[in-house]
C-alpha atoms as a PDB file:
ATOM      1  CA  MET A   1      41.867  27.545  73.507  1.00  0.00           C
ATOM      2  CA  ALA A   2      43.054  24.262  74.729  1.00  0.00           C
ATOM      3  CA  ASP A   3      39.527  23.151  74.284  1.00  0.00           C
ATOM      4  CA  ILE A   4      39.508  24.151  70.648  1.00  0.00           C
ATOM      5  CA  LYS A   5      42.879  22.604  70.200  1.00  0.00           C
ATOM      6  CA  GLU A   6      41.620  19.352  71.687  1.00  0.00           C
ATOM      7  CA  LYS A   7      38.487  19.492  69.575  1.00  0.00           C
ATOM      8  CA  THR A   8      40.571  20.195  66.506  1.00  0.00           C
ATOM      9  CA  GLU A   9      42.887  17.328  67.338  1.00  0.00           C
ATOM     10  CA  HIS A  10      39.899  15.165  68.075  1.00  0.00           C
ATOM     11  CA  MET A  11      38.311  16.165  64.751  1.00  0.00           C
ATOM     12  CA  GLY A  12      41.646  15.582  63.020  1.00  0.00           C
ATOM     13  CA  GLN A  13      41.850  12.147  64.577  1.00  0.00           C
ATOM     14  CA  GLY A  14      38.245  11.452  63.555  1.00  0.00           C
ATOM     15  CA  ALA A  15      38.986  12.669  60.061  1.00  0.00           C
ATOM     16  CA  SER A  16      42.118  10.556  60.062  1.00  0.00           C
ATOM     17  CA  HIS A  17      40.082   7.512  61.185  1.00  0.00           C
ATOM     18  CA  ALA A  18      37.427   8.327  58.587  1.00  0.00           C
ATOM     19  CA  GLY A  19      40.137   8.666  55.955  1.00  0.00           C
ATOM     20  CA  GLN A  20      41.633   5.382  57.121  1.00  0.00           C
ATOM     21  CA  ASN A  21      38.169   3.755  56.902  1.00  0.00           C
ATOM     22  CA  VAL A  22      37.645   5.203  53.429  1.00  0.00           C
ATOM     23  CA  ARG A  23      41.093   3.972  52.406  1.00  0.00           C
ATOM     24  CA  ASP A  24      40.352   0.503  53.858  1.00  0.00           C
ATOM     25  CA  GLN A  25      36.972   0.384  52.132  1.00  0.00           C
ATOM     26  CA  ALA A  26      38.535   1.564  48.868  1.00  0.00           C
ATOM     27  CA  GLY A  27      41.213  -1.146  49.194  1.00  0.00           C
ATOM     28  CA  LYS A  28      38.562  -3.774  49.862  1.00  0.00           C
ATOM     29  CA  MET A  29      36.540  -2.552  46.881  1.00  0.00           C
ATOM     30  CA  ALA A  30      39.692  -2.559  44.735  1.00  0.00           C
ATOM     31  CA  ASP A  31      40.427  -6.134  45.872  1.00  0.00           C
ATOM     32  CA  LYS A  32      36.849  -7.148  45.057  1.00  0.00           C
ATOM     33  CA  ALA A  33      37.109  -5.451  41.640  1.00  0.00           C
ATOM     34  CA  LYS A  34      40.437  -7.172  41.058  1.00  0.00           C
ATOM     35  CA  ASP A  35      38.934 -10.549  42.024  1.00  0.00           C
ATOM     36  CA  ALA A  36      35.872  -9.890  39.833  1.00  0.00           C
ATOM     37  CA  ALA A  37      38.129  -8.967  36.893  1.00  0.00           C
ATOM     38  CA  ALA A  38      40.244 -12.083  37.465  1.00  0.00           C
ATOM     39  CA  ASN A  39      37.087 -14.228  37.616  1.00  0.00           C
ATOM     40  CA  ALA A  40      35.745 -12.587  34.446  1.00  0.00           C
ATOM     41  CA  ALA A  41      39.069 -13.134  32.667  1.00  0.00           C
ATOM     42  CA  SER A  42      39.114 -16.757  33.826  1.00  0.00           C
ATOM     43  CA  SER A  43      35.531 -17.199  32.676  1.00  0.00           C
ATOM     44  CA  VAL A  44      36.336 -15.674  29.275  1.00  0.00           C
ATOM     45  CA  LYS A  45      39.423 -17.892  29.043  1.00  0.00           C
ATOM     46  CA  ASP A  46      37.366 -21.001  29.887  1.00  0.00           C
ATOM     47  CA  THR A  47      34.655 -20.014  27.423  1.00  0.00           C
ATOM     48  CA  PHE A  48      37.271 -19.383  24.722  1.00  0.00           C
ATOM     49  CA  ARG A  49      38.883 -22.743  25.478  1.00  0.00           C
ATOM     50  CA  ASP A  50      35.474 -24.440  25.261  1.00  0.00           C
ATOM     51  CA  VAL A  51      34.659 -22.674  21.982  1.00  0.00           C
ATOM     52  CA  THR A  52      38.023 -23.455  20.415  1.00  0.00           C
ATOM     53  CA  SER A  53      37.859 -27.009  21.701  1.00  0.00           C
ATOM     54  CA  GLY A  54      34.384 -27.344  20.199  1.00  0.00           C
ATOM     55  CA  ALA A  55      35.582 -25.854  16.925  1.00  0.00           C
ATOM     56  CA  SER A  56      38.561 -28.193  16.910  1.00  0.00           C
ATOM     57  CA  GLU A  57      36.314 -31.149  17.669  1.00  0.00           C
ATOM     58  CA  PHE A  58      33.926 -30.041  14.907  1.00  0.00           C
ATOM     59  CA  ALA A  59      36.823 -29.708  12.457  1.00  0.00           C
ATOM     60  CA  ASN A  60      38.114 -33.160  13.447  1.00  0.00           C
ATOM     61  CA  LYS A  61      34.663 -34.671  13.000  1.00  0.00           C
ATOM     62  CA  ALA A  62      34.260 -32.915   9.634  1.00  0.00           C
ATOM     63  CA  ALA A  63      37.671 -34.164   8.484  1.00  0.00           C
ATOM     64  CA  SER A  64      36.888 -37.659   9.711  1.00  0.00           C
ATOM     65  CA  GLY A  65      33.519 -37.570   7.949  1.00  0.00           C
ATOM     66  CA  ALA A  66      35.154 -36.388   4.731  1.00  0.00           C
ATOM     67  CA  ALA A  67      37.750 -39.152   4.969  1.00  0.00           C
ATOM     68  CA  ASP A  68      35.041 -41.745   5.597  1.00  0.00           C
ATOM     69  CA  PHE A  69      33.053 -40.439   2.619  1.00  0.00           C
ATOM     70  CA  ALA A  70      36.157 -40.527   0.404  1.00  0.00           C
ATOM     71  CA  ASN A  71      36.931 -44.099   1.494  1.00  0.00           C
ATOM     72  CA  LYS A  72      33.350 -45.190   0.909  1.00  0.00           C
ATOM     73  CA  THR A  73      33.269 -43.537  -2.513  1.00  0.00           C
ATOM     74  CA  ALA A  74      36.622 -45.078  -3.450  1.00  0.00           C
ATOM     75  CA  GLY A  75      35.280 -48.479  -2.428  1.00  0.00           C
ATOM     76  CA  GLN A  76      32.193 -47.991  -4.558  1.00  0.00           C
ATOM     77  CA  VAL A  77      34.297 -46.880  -7.534  1.00  0.00           C
ATOM     78  CA  ARG A  78      36.583 -49.900  -7.069  1.00  0.00           C
ATOM     79  CA  ASP A  79      33.587 -52.262  -6.888  1.00  0.00           C
ATOM     80  CA  THR A  80      32.001 -50.684  -9.970  1.00  0.00           C
ATOM     81  CA  ALA A  81      35.299 -50.892 -11.869  1.00  0.00           C
ATOM     82  CA  LYS A  82      35.650 -54.567 -10.919  1.00  0.00           C
ATOM     83  CA  GLU A  83      32.098 -55.219 -12.086  1.00  0.00           C
ATOM     84  CA  TRP A  84      32.706 -53.393 -15.391  1.00  0.00           C
ATOM     85  CA  PHE A  85      36.012 -55.202 -15.859  1.00  0.00           C
ATOM     86  CA  GLY A  86      34.275 -58.510 -15.209  1.00  0.00           C
ATOM     87  CA  ASN A  87      31.548 -57.630 -17.706  1.00  0.00           C
ATOM     88  CA  ALA A  88      34.141 -56.518 -20.276  1.00  0.00           C
ATOM     89  CA  GLU A  89      36.142 -59.685 -19.681  1.00  0.00           C
ATOM     90  CA  ASP A  90      33.019 -61.810 -20.186  1.00  0.00           C
ATOM     91  CA  ALA A  91      32.132 -59.886 -23.359  1.00  0.00           C
ATOM     92  CA  ALA A  92      35.690 -60.251 -24.709  1.00  0.00           C
ATOM     93  CA  SER A  93      35.694 -63.971 -23.935  1.00  0.00           C
ATOM     94  CA  HIS A  94      32.330 -64.378 -25.647  1.00  0.00           C
ATOM     95  CA  ALA A  95      33.537 -62.379 -28.666  1.00  0.00           C
ATOM     96  CA  ALA A  96      36.727 -64.458 -28.896  1.00  0.00           C
ATOM     97  CA  SER A  97      34.676 -67.640 -28.754  1.00  0.00           C
ATOM     98  CA  SER A  98      32.376 -66.347 -31.495  1.00  0.00           C
ATOM     99  CA  VAL A  99      35.338 -65.361 -33.691  1.00  0.00           C
ATOM    100  CA  ARG A 100      36.955 -68.794 -33.205  1.00  0.00           C
ATOM    101  CA  HIS A 101      33.663 -70.480 -34.107  1.00  0.00           C
ATOM    102  CA  ALA A 102      33.184 -68.257 -37.184  1.00  0.00           C
ATOM    103  CA  ALA A 103      36.798 -68.826 -38.301  1.00  0.00           C
ATOM    104  CA  GLY A 104      36.332 -72.564 -37.901  1.00  0.00           C
ATOM    105  CA  ASP A 105      33.134 -72.454 -39.961  1.00  0.00           C
ATOM    106  CA  ALA A 106      34.841 -70.331 -42.661  1.00  0.00           C
ATOM    107  CA  ALA A 107      37.822 -72.681 -42.811  1.00  0.00           C
ATOM    108  CA  GLU A 108      35.465 -75.631 -43.149  1.00  0.00           C
ATOM    109  CA  LYS A 109      33.555 -73.961 -46.004  1.00  0.00           C
ATOM    110  CA  VAL A 110      36.797 -73.054 -47.828  1.00  0.00           C
ATOM    111  CA  SER A 111      37.945 -76.645 -47.444  1.00  0.00           C
ATOM    112  CA  ASP A 112      34.628 -77.895 -48.807  1.00  0.00           C
ATOM    113  CA  LEU A 113      34.785 -75.465 -51.743  1.00  0.00           C
ATOM    114  CA  SER A 114      38.380 -76.400 -52.588  1.00  0.00           C
ATOM    115  CA  GLU A 115      37.451 -80.109 -52.525  1.00  0.00           C
ATOM    116  CA  ASP A 116      34.442 -79.426 -54.760  1.00  0.00           C
ATOM    117  CA  LEU A 117      36.627 -77.389 -57.156  1.00  0.00           C
ATOM    118  CA  ALA A 118      39.252 -80.148 -57.253  1.00  0.00           C
ATOM    119  CA  ARG A 119      36.580 -82.766 -58.077  1.00  0.00           C
ATOM    120  CA  MET A 120      35.118 -80.536 -60.782  1.00  0.00           C
ATOM    121  CA  ILE A 121      38.559 -80.003 -62.373  1.00  0.00           C
ATOM    122  CA  GLN A 122      39.211 -83.765 -62.291  1.00  0.00           C
ATOM    123  CA  ARG A 123      35.865 -84.459 -63.986  1.00  0.00           C
ATOM    124  CA  ASN A 124      36.210 -81.616 -66.565  1.00  0.00           C
ATOM    125  CA  PRO A 125      39.908 -80.825 -67.073  1.00  0.00           C
ATOM    126  CA  ILE A 126      39.693 -79.064 -70.497  1.00  0.00           C
ATOM    127  CA  PRO A 127      36.993 -76.526 -69.531  1.00  0.00           C
ATOM    128  CA  ALA A 128      38.908 -75.905 -66.284  1.00  0.00           C
ATOM    129  CA  VAL A 129      42.131 -75.086 -68.196  1.00  0.00           C
ATOM    130  CA  LEU A 130      40.225 -72.811 -70.615  1.00  0.00           C
ATOM    131  CA  ALA A 131      38.541 -71.031 -67.681  1.00  0.00           C
ATOM    132  CA  ALA A 132      41.930 -70.549 -65.983  1.00  0.00           C
ATOM    133  CA  MET A 133      43.389 -69.105 -69.206  1.00  0.00           C
ATOM    134  CA  GLY A 134      40.432 -66.721 -69.518  1.00  0.00           C
ATOM    135  CA  VAL A 135      40.843 -65.533 -65.934  1.00  0.00           C
ATOM    136  CA  GLY A 136      44.618 -65.026 -66.528  1.00  0.00           C
ATOM    137  CA  PHE A 137      43.953 -63.049 -69.732  1.00  0.00           C
ATOM    138  CA  LEU A 138      41.433 -60.769 -67.985  1.00  0.00           C
ATOM    139  CA  ALA A 139      43.886 -60.173 -65.099  1.00  0.00           C
ATOM    140  CA  ALA A 140      46.661 -59.242 -67.584  1.00  0.00           C
ATOM    141  CA  VAL A 141      44.393 -56.766 -69.427  1.00  0.00           C
ATOM    142  CA  ALA A 142      43.331 -55.180 -66.146  1.00  0.00           C
ATOM    143  CA  MET A 143      46.927 -54.825 -64.976  1.00  0.00           C
ATOM    144  CA  ARG A 144      48.049 -53.286 -68.278  1.00  0.00           C
ATOM    145  CA  ARG A 145      45.278 -50.665 -68.103  1.00  0.00           C
ATOM    146  CA  SER A 146      46.140 -49.738 -64.526  1.00  0.00           C
ATOM    147  CA  HIS A 147      49.838 -49.104 -65.490  1.00  0.00           C
ATOM    148  CA  SER A 148      49.007 -46.912 -68.465  1.00  0.00           C
END
């Protein structure tokens, strides 16, 4: 019986060592799983950081590109407006010059006509007075008809 007891104790010790080995192996496997999970989480975190950094960089580049485009377009609009203003200014200056020239010509013709009329009245005073009376009479008749 002592023999069985020793064998049982021996088997118990073997089972205990086997259990200890299984426990140690399970602990090692758990540590490896924990390390693998930590590495995976770190890898996901790094990948997420890279993706968000890339997205942020893309957004910054897009915003910068939009700002550059807006500045370029504003510059083009400003240049076009300056060109149109210059053209309008030239056209207005040319028109003003033409009007001054035409007014000068008209004033000269009126002056010439008034001088001619004055000479004609001096040479023919009686027909001039009769013509003036006729024009006055016609104006009076026209005014009387418009008031009636």
